[in-house]
Amino acid sequence: MPISFTRSLETVIIGLSTVPCVAHAESFSRLAQQSYPVGKLTKGKAGGYGWVVSNGSKQFFCRLDASLAYVSKKEMVSILSSGRLVKLDRAAFEASIGGPDPSIPQWSDLQTGRVKPADVGSCTPTR
């Protein structure tokens, strides 16, 4: 065998052996259709927000995909991937975008698990 082919084959084998196993992810929409109840907003192991979705035998952690939420008529929060919340002036924000945005969820809805699929990211099995 030519050296270049052997080296290429070795590179492919080493590359594939170092790829971590990917957990079987589910979509939130599919889990919701299967009547999985959604828990309250919580922080995951990495500090980001999400919900535990469980049917008793199977549990998934569905991460929060929203980056903004309305808190009150005067306040809103920016949600960082690290789990940090940054308070924003709602009036200033809405003035900059031209008015209220109906796609931005209410913080109270997120906290209680009343979520729309657009606000939820990937769902991975918990161990």
Protein backbone atom coordinates (compact mmCIF):
# COMPACT_ATOMS: atom_id res chain seq x y z
CA MET A 1 0.00 0.00 0.00
CA PRO A 2 1.19 3.51 -0.68
CA ILE A 3 2.23 5.46 2.39
CA SER A 4 -0.27 8.27 1.77
CA PHE A 5 -3.21 5.82 1.76
CA THR A 6 -2.02 4.13 4.95
CA ARG A 7 -1.53 7.47 6.67
CA SER A 8 -5.01 8.63 5.56
CA LEU A 9 -6.57 5.42 6.84
CA GLU A 10 -4.79 5.80 10.19
CA THR A 11 -6.01 9.39 10.47
CA VAL A 12 -9.61 8.35 9.82
CA ILE A 13 -9.47 5.52 12.36
CA ILE A 14 -7.93 7.73 15.04
CA GLY A 15 -10.43 10.50 14.30
CA LEU A 16 -13.42 8.18 14.59
CA SER A 17 -12.14 6.61 17.80
CA THR A 18 -11.88 9.99 19.50
CA VAL A 19 -15.44 11.09 18.71
CA PRO A 20 -17.45 10.89 21.93
CA CYS A 21 -20.67 8.94 22.01
CA VAL A 22 -23.57 11.25 21.38
CA ALA A 23 -26.55 10.83 23.67
CA HIS A 24 -29.84 10.21 21.93
CA ALA A 25 -31.54 13.60 21.91
CA GLU A 26 -35.27 14.10 21.53
CA SER A 27 -37.21 17.08 20.34
CA PHE A 28 -39.38 18.87 22.87
CA SER A 29 -42.31 18.80 20.44
CA ARG A 30 -42.16 15.01 20.23
CA LEU A 31 -41.95 14.63 24.01
CA ALA A 32 -44.88 17.03 24.48
CA GLN A 33 -46.95 15.00 22.00
CA GLN A 34 -46.21 11.90 24.09
CA SER A 35 -47.66 13.73 27.15
CA TYR A 36 -44.40 14.10 29.03
CA PRO A 37 -45.05 16.59 31.85
CA VAL A 38 -42.70 19.56 32.08
CA GLY A 39 -41.13 20.42 35.44
CA LYS A 40 -40.21 23.82 36.79
CA LEU A 41 -37.27 25.78 35.40
CA THR A 42 -34.02 24.61 36.91
CA LYS A 43 -30.30 24.88 36.30
CA GLY A 44 -28.45 22.05 34.63
CA LYS A 45 -25.04 20.68 35.54
CA ALA A 46 -23.29 23.30 33.39
CA GLY A 47 -25.28 26.14 34.96
CA GLY A 48 -27.63 26.81 32.05
CA TYR A 49 -31.39 26.85 32.50
CA GLY A 50 -33.78 24.15 31.38
CA TRP A 51 -36.58 21.78 32.40
CA VAL A 52 -36.73 18.15 33.39
CA VAL A 53 -39.29 16.38 31.25
CA SER A 54 -40.24 12.95 32.57
CA ASN A 55 -42.78 10.20 32.15
CA GLY A 56 -41.64 8.24 35.20
CA SER A 57 -39.21 5.81 33.58
CA LYS A 58 -37.50 8.19 31.16
CA GLN A 59 -36.18 11.64 32.00
CA PHE A 60 -34.83 14.30 29.69
CA PHE A 61 -33.24 17.67 30.40
CA CYS A 62 -34.50 20.19 27.86
CA ARG A 63 -32.37 23.30 27.73
CA LEU A 64 -33.80 26.81 27.57
CA ASP A 65 -33.36 28.29 24.11
CA ALA A 66 -34.83 31.73 24.78
CA SER A 67 -32.39 34.55 25.38
CA LEU A 68 -34.87 37.20 26.54
CA ALA A 69 -37.94 37.16 28.77
CA TYR A 70 -40.42 39.74 30.02
CA VAL A 71 -40.55 40.06 33.81
CA SER A 72 -42.99 42.95 34.25
CA LYS A 73 -44.25 46.02 32.39
CA LYS A 74 -40.98 47.81 33.20
CA GLU A 75 -38.41 45.03 33.33
CA MET A 76 -37.10 42.16 31.27
CA VAL A 77 -34.10 39.83 31.53
CA SER A 78 -31.44 38.66 29.17
CA ILE A 79 -30.65 35.00 29.84
CA LEU A 80 -27.02 34.06 29.24
CA SER A 81 -25.97 30.50 28.40
CA SER A 82 -23.99 30.40 31.65
CA GLY A 83 -27.24 30.79 33.60
CA ARG A 84 -26.68 34.43 34.51
CA LEU A 85 -29.64 36.81 34.29
CA VAL A 86 -29.06 40.42 33.24
CA LYS A 87 -31.84 42.92 33.99
CA LEU A 88 -32.92 45.18 31.12
CA ASP A 89 -35.14 48.22 30.88
CA ARG A 90 -38.14 47.01 28.91
CA ALA A 91 -39.12 50.49 27.65
CA ALA A 92 -35.63 51.15 26.27
CA PHE A 93 -35.48 47.71 24.66
CA GLU A 94 -38.89 48.04 23.01
CA ALA A 95 -38.04 51.55 21.78
CA SER A 96 -34.95 50.15 20.08
CA ILE A 97 -36.86 47.37 18.28
CA GLY A 98 -40.00 49.38 17.51
CA GLY A 99 -42.43 47.98 20.07
CA PRO A 100 -43.25 44.84 22.04
CA ASP A 101 -42.22 41.49 20.58
CA PRO A 102 -44.93 38.82 21.04
CA SER A 103 -42.38 36.03 20.53
CA ILE A 104 -40.55 36.92 23.76
CA PRO A 105 -41.88 34.70 26.58
CA GLN A 106 -42.92 35.75 30.07
CA TRP A 107 -40.36 34.85 32.75
CA SER A 108 -43.15 33.52 35.00
CA ASP A 109 -44.27 31.11 32.23
CA LEU A 110 -40.73 29.82 31.79
CA GLN A 111 -40.31 29.32 35.55
CA THR A 112 -43.48 27.25 35.88
CA GLY A 113 -42.89 25.09 32.80
CA ARG A 114 -45.56 26.65 30.57
CA VAL A 115 -43.32 26.74 27.53
CA LYS A 116 -43.67 26.84 23.78
CA PRO A 117 -41.47 24.60 21.61
CA ALA A 118 -39.76 27.73 20.23
CA ASP A 119 -38.39 28.48 23.72
CA VAL A 120 -36.92 25.00 24.22
CA GLY A 121 -33.66 23.68 22.80
CA SER A 122 -32.48 20.10 22.60
CA CYS A 123 -33.56 17.49 25.12
CA THR A 124 -30.95 14.98 26.29
CA PRO A 125 -31.51 11.95 28.51
CA THR A 126 -30.53 12.30 32.15
CA ARG A 127 -28.52 9.57 33.79
